[in-house]
Amino acid sequence: MEGAATLSYSKRFYRVGRTALSTYDKTGFAGTVFSTSAPVVVGANTVTPNSGSRGTAVSVGIELPLLPPAANLGVSRITFGSGTGITVSAIVRYRQTLITATFTISAGATTGGRDVIVTYNGGPVRTVTNGFAVP
C-alpha cells in the first residue's frame, strides 16, 4: 500500500496464559516475606496450639490430611462447630495441607471444645473434630 502511514504505539498489551501450577513445598514462606521457617504443627488433623484463653489472640497452624483440595483453591473462611466469641483473621494457606490463622477470643467467649471447620473457595470443607478449646 503506497503512502500508508507507519503506526507507532507507545503502549502494548499482552495476554498471559498459565500453563502449569507448581506444588507447594515445605521450605516456602510462612505467610510473610520475612519468615522462611514453617510453623510447627504436630500432625494431620491438628490445630497447634489447640486452646486459647479468653481475651487473647492466638496464632494457630492447622494441619489437614493428605488429599487436600487443589493447590489453587484459597480458604474462604474458618468457622467453629459450636460456641461463640472467636473471630478468625489473617488466614494464609501456607502449603497444600497447612493453613495459618489468628483466632481472637473475646472476653465473653463460651468455654469448651469445638470443631474447626475450614471452607475453601468453591465449596470443599475439611473439619478438625474437637480441634480447639477455650478453657
C-alpha atoms as a PDB file:
ATOM      1  CA  MET A   1       0.000   0.000   0.000  1.00  0.00           C
ATOM      2  CA  GLU A   2       1.730   3.061  -1.206  1.00  0.00           C
ATOM      3  CA  GLY A   3       1.765   6.118   1.017  1.00  0.00           C
ATOM      4  CA  ALA A   4       0.370   4.255   4.048  1.00  0.00           C
ATOM      5  CA  ALA A   5       1.330   5.760   7.380  1.00  0.00           C
ATOM      6  CA  THR A   6       3.507   3.706   9.707  1.00  0.00           C
ATOM      7  CA  LEU A   7       1.726   3.089  13.014  1.00  0.00           C
ATOM      8  CA  SER A   8       3.696   3.583  16.182  1.00  0.00           C
ATOM      9  CA  TYR A   9       2.231   2.518  19.517  1.00  0.00           C
ATOM     10  CA  SER A  10       3.693   3.613  22.832  1.00  0.00           C
ATOM     11  CA  LYS A  11       1.651   1.077  24.832  1.00  0.00           C
ATOM     12  CA  ARG A  12       1.305  -2.619  24.200  1.00  0.00           C
ATOM     13  CA  PHE A  13      -0.954  -5.223  25.724  1.00  0.00           C
ATOM     14  CA  TYR A  14      -0.008  -8.837  26.314  1.00  0.00           C
ATOM     15  CA  ARG A  15      -2.105 -11.856  27.137  1.00  0.00           C
ATOM     16  CA  VAL A  16      -0.655 -14.321  29.645  1.00  0.00           C
ATOM     17  CA  GLY A  17      -1.833 -17.891  29.957  1.00  0.00           C
ATOM     18  CA  ARG A  18      -0.968 -20.237  32.811  1.00  0.00           C
ATOM     19  CA  THR A  19       0.459 -23.496  31.509  1.00  0.00           C
ATOM     20  CA  ALA A  20       1.114 -25.264  34.824  1.00  0.00           C
ATOM     21  CA  LEU A  21       0.708 -24.943  38.571  1.00  0.00           C
ATOM     22  CA  SER A  22       3.586 -25.723  40.882  1.00  0.00           C
ATOM     23  CA  THR A  23       3.016 -27.748  44.034  1.00  0.00           C
ATOM     24  CA  TYR A  24       3.546 -26.228  47.453  1.00  0.00           C
ATOM     25  CA  ASP A  25       6.723 -27.006  49.319  1.00  0.00           C
ATOM     26  CA  LYS A  26       7.762 -27.133  52.959  1.00  0.00           C
ATOM     27  CA  THR A  27      10.504 -24.537  52.593  1.00  0.00           C
ATOM     28  CA  GLY A  28       8.337 -21.699  51.271  1.00  0.00           C
ATOM     29  CA  PHE A  29       7.342 -18.558  53.085  1.00  0.00           C
ATOM     30  CA  ALA A  30       5.298 -18.753  56.285  1.00  0.00           C
ATOM     31  CA  GLY A  31       2.810 -16.070  55.352  1.00  0.00           C
ATOM     32  CA  THR A  32       5.245 -13.155  55.202  1.00  0.00           C
ATOM     33  CA  VAL A  33       8.281 -12.276  53.157  1.00  0.00           C
ATOM     34  CA  PHE A  34      10.332 -12.063  56.357  1.00  0.00           C
ATOM     35  CA  SER A  35       9.894 -15.645  57.540  1.00  0.00           C
ATOM     36  CA  THR A  36      11.165 -18.771  55.831  1.00  0.00           C
ATOM     37  CA  SER A  37      10.547 -21.317  58.582  1.00  0.00           C
ATOM     38  CA  ALA A  38       7.435 -23.438  58.623  1.00  0.00           C
ATOM     39  CA  PRO A  39       5.014 -23.137  61.553  1.00  0.00           C
ATOM     40  CA  VAL A  40       5.354 -26.070  63.956  1.00  0.00           C
ATOM     41  CA  VAL A  41       2.306 -28.332  63.818  1.00  0.00           C
ATOM     42  CA  VAL A  42       2.162 -31.776  65.440  1.00  0.00           C
ATOM     43  CA  GLY A  43       0.412 -33.845  62.752  1.00  0.00           C
ATOM     44  CA  ALA A  44      -2.508 -34.345  60.402  1.00  0.00           C
ATOM     45  CA  ASN A  45      -5.926 -33.135  61.569  1.00  0.00           C
ATOM     46  CA  THR A  46      -4.487 -30.938  64.308  1.00  0.00           C
ATOM     47  CA  VAL A  47      -4.637 -27.316  65.385  1.00  0.00           C
ATOM     48  CA  THR A  48      -1.497 -26.035  67.130  1.00  0.00           C
ATOM     49  CA  PRO A  49      -1.864 -24.609  69.718  1.00  0.00           C
ATOM     50  CA  ASN A  50      -5.205 -26.300  70.354  1.00  0.00           C
ATOM     51  CA  SER A  51      -6.511 -23.893  73.005  1.00  0.00           C
ATOM     52  CA  GLY A  52      -6.559 -20.240  73.925  1.00  0.00           C
ATOM     53  CA  SER A  53      -7.664 -18.133  76.880  1.00  0.00           C
ATOM     54  CA  ARG A  54     -10.467 -15.591  76.867  1.00  0.00           C
ATOM     55  CA  GLY A  55      -9.371 -12.093  75.906  1.00  0.00           C
ATOM     56  CA  THR A  56      -6.362 -13.204  73.831  1.00  0.00           C
ATOM     57  CA  ALA A  57      -5.360 -13.612  70.192  1.00  0.00           C
ATOM     58  CA  VAL A  58      -3.705 -16.896  69.222  1.00  0.00           C
ATOM     59  CA  SER A  59      -1.723 -17.586  66.042  1.00  0.00           C
ATOM     60  CA  VAL A  60      -2.526 -21.162  65.026  1.00  0.00           C
ATOM     61  CA  GLY A  61      -1.392 -23.680  62.462  1.00  0.00           C
ATOM     62  CA  ILE A  62      -3.998 -26.068  61.086  1.00  0.00           C
ATOM     63  CA  GLU A  63      -2.574 -29.231  59.512  1.00  0.00           C
ATOM     64  CA  LEU A  64      -5.019 -31.144  57.341  1.00  0.00           C
ATOM     65  CA  PRO A  65      -4.601 -34.678  55.951  1.00  0.00           C
ATOM     66  CA  LEU A  66      -3.317 -35.553  52.518  1.00  0.00           C
ATOM     67  CA  LEU A  67      -5.700 -35.381  49.583  1.00  0.00           C
ATOM     68  CA  PRO A  68      -6.459 -31.727  50.264  1.00  0.00           C
ATOM     69  CA  PRO A  69      -8.369 -29.575  47.792  1.00  0.00           C
ATOM     70  CA  ALA A  70      -6.449 -28.367  44.733  1.00  0.00           C
ATOM     71  CA  ALA A  71      -3.485 -26.089  45.458  1.00  0.00           C
ATOM     72  CA  ASN A  72      -5.068 -23.166  43.600  1.00  0.00           C
ATOM     73  CA  LEU A  73      -8.092 -23.010  45.948  1.00  0.00           C
ATOM     74  CA  GLY A  74      -7.851 -20.417  48.689  1.00  0.00           C
ATOM     75  CA  VAL A  75      -9.508 -20.676  52.084  1.00  0.00           C
ATOM     76  CA  SER A  76     -12.734 -18.661  52.136  1.00  0.00           C
ATOM     77  CA  ARG A  77     -13.394 -18.978  55.882  1.00  0.00           C
ATOM     78  CA  ILE A  78     -12.722 -20.849  59.102  1.00  0.00           C
ATOM     79  CA  THR A  79     -15.666 -21.417  61.438  1.00  0.00           C
ATOM     80  CA  PHE A  80     -16.421 -23.428  64.561  1.00  0.00           C
ATOM     81  CA  GLY A  81     -18.990 -26.162  65.052  1.00  0.00           C
ATOM     82  CA  SER A  82     -20.198 -24.738  68.352  1.00  0.00           C
ATOM     83  CA  GLY A  83     -19.545 -21.952  70.805  1.00  0.00           C
ATOM     84  CA  THR A  84     -19.356 -18.217  70.282  1.00  0.00           C
ATOM     85  CA  GLY A  85     -16.846 -15.441  70.774  1.00  0.00           C
ATOM     86  CA  ILE A  86     -13.997 -16.367  68.413  1.00  0.00           C
ATOM     87  CA  THR A  87     -13.219 -14.409  65.261  1.00  0.00           C
ATOM     88  CA  VAL A  88     -10.727 -15.538  62.650  1.00  0.00           C
ATOM     89  CA  SER A  89      -8.346 -13.321  60.676  1.00  0.00           C
ATOM     90  CA  ALA A  90      -5.040 -13.428  58.770  1.00  0.00           C
ATOM     91  CA  ILE A  91      -5.842 -16.726  57.031  1.00  0.00           C
ATOM     92  CA  VAL A  92      -2.939 -17.971  54.886  1.00  0.00           C
ATOM     93  CA  ARG A  93      -2.750 -21.284  53.044  1.00  0.00           C
ATOM     94  CA  TYR A  94       0.922 -21.845  53.738  1.00  0.00           C
ATOM     95  CA  ARG A  95       1.120 -25.056  51.728  1.00  0.00           C
ATOM     96  CA  GLN A  96      -1.402 -27.540  50.437  1.00  0.00           C
ATOM     97  CA  THR A  97      -2.062 -29.179  53.819  1.00  0.00           C
ATOM     98  CA  LEU A  98      -1.154 -26.311  56.186  1.00  0.00           C
ATOM     99  CA  ILE A  99      -3.157 -23.197  56.972  1.00  0.00           C
ATOM    100  CA  THR A 100      -2.207 -20.463  59.414  1.00  0.00           C
ATOM    101  CA  ALA A 101      -4.654 -18.038  61.020  1.00  0.00           C
ATOM    102  CA  THR A 102      -5.222 -15.825  64.035  1.00  0.00           C
ATOM    103  CA  PHE A 103      -8.043 -16.731  66.431  1.00  0.00           C
ATOM    104  CA  THR A 104      -9.168 -13.743  68.505  1.00  0.00           C
ATOM    105  CA  ILE A 105     -11.030 -14.938  71.581  1.00  0.00           C
ATOM    106  CA  SER A 106     -13.353 -12.409  73.209  1.00  0.00           C
ATOM    107  CA  ALA A 107     -13.553 -11.994  76.977  1.00  0.00           C
ATOM    108  CA  GLY A 108     -17.091 -13.422  76.877  1.00  0.00           C
ATOM    109  CA  ALA A 109     -16.367 -16.423  74.634  1.00  0.00           C
ATOM    110  CA  THR A 110     -18.168 -19.630  75.566  1.00  0.00           C
ATOM    111  CA  THR A 111     -15.865 -22.244  77.068  1.00  0.00           C
ATOM    112  CA  GLY A 112     -15.353 -25.757  75.819  1.00  0.00           C
ATOM    113  CA  GLY A 113     -14.065 -27.655  72.813  1.00  0.00           C
ATOM    114  CA  ARG A 114     -15.196 -27.005  69.276  1.00  0.00           C
ATOM    115  CA  ASP A 115     -14.721 -28.366  65.798  1.00  0.00           C
ATOM    116  CA  VAL A 116     -12.591 -26.223  63.478  1.00  0.00           C
ATOM    117  CA  ILE A 117     -14.210 -26.107  60.029  1.00  0.00           C
ATOM    118  CA  VAL A 118     -12.126 -24.958  57.047  1.00  0.00           C
ATOM    119  CA  THR A 119     -14.093 -23.971  53.927  1.00  0.00           C
ATOM    120  CA  TYR A 120     -12.241 -23.496  50.656  1.00  0.00           C
ATOM    121  CA  ASN A 121     -13.310 -21.316  47.734  1.00  0.00           C
ATOM    122  CA  GLY A 122     -15.626 -23.383  45.576  1.00  0.00           C
ATOM    123  CA  GLY A 123     -17.036 -25.375  48.479  1.00  0.00           C
ATOM    124  CA  PRO A 124     -14.686 -28.137  49.715  1.00  0.00           C
ATOM    125  CA  VAL A 125     -14.847 -28.402  53.518  1.00  0.00           C
ATOM    126  CA  ARG A 126     -12.428 -30.035  55.963  1.00  0.00           C
ATOM    127  CA  THR A 127     -13.112 -30.441  59.700  1.00  0.00           C
ATOM    128  CA  VAL A 128     -10.736 -30.966  62.610  1.00  0.00           C
ATOM    129  CA  THR A 129     -13.022 -32.580  65.188  1.00  0.00           C
ATOM    130  CA  ASN A 130     -12.684 -31.024  68.648  1.00  0.00           C
ATOM    131  CA  GLY A 131      -9.642 -29.150  67.310  1.00  0.00           C
ATOM    132  CA  PHE A 132      -9.717 -26.025  69.523  1.00  0.00           C
ATOM    133  CA  ALA A 133     -10.847 -25.264  73.056  1.00  0.00           C
ATOM    134  CA  VAL A 134     -11.452 -22.266  75.274  1.00  0.00           C
ATOM    135  CA  PRO A 135     -10.755 -23.376  78.875  1.00  0.00           C
END
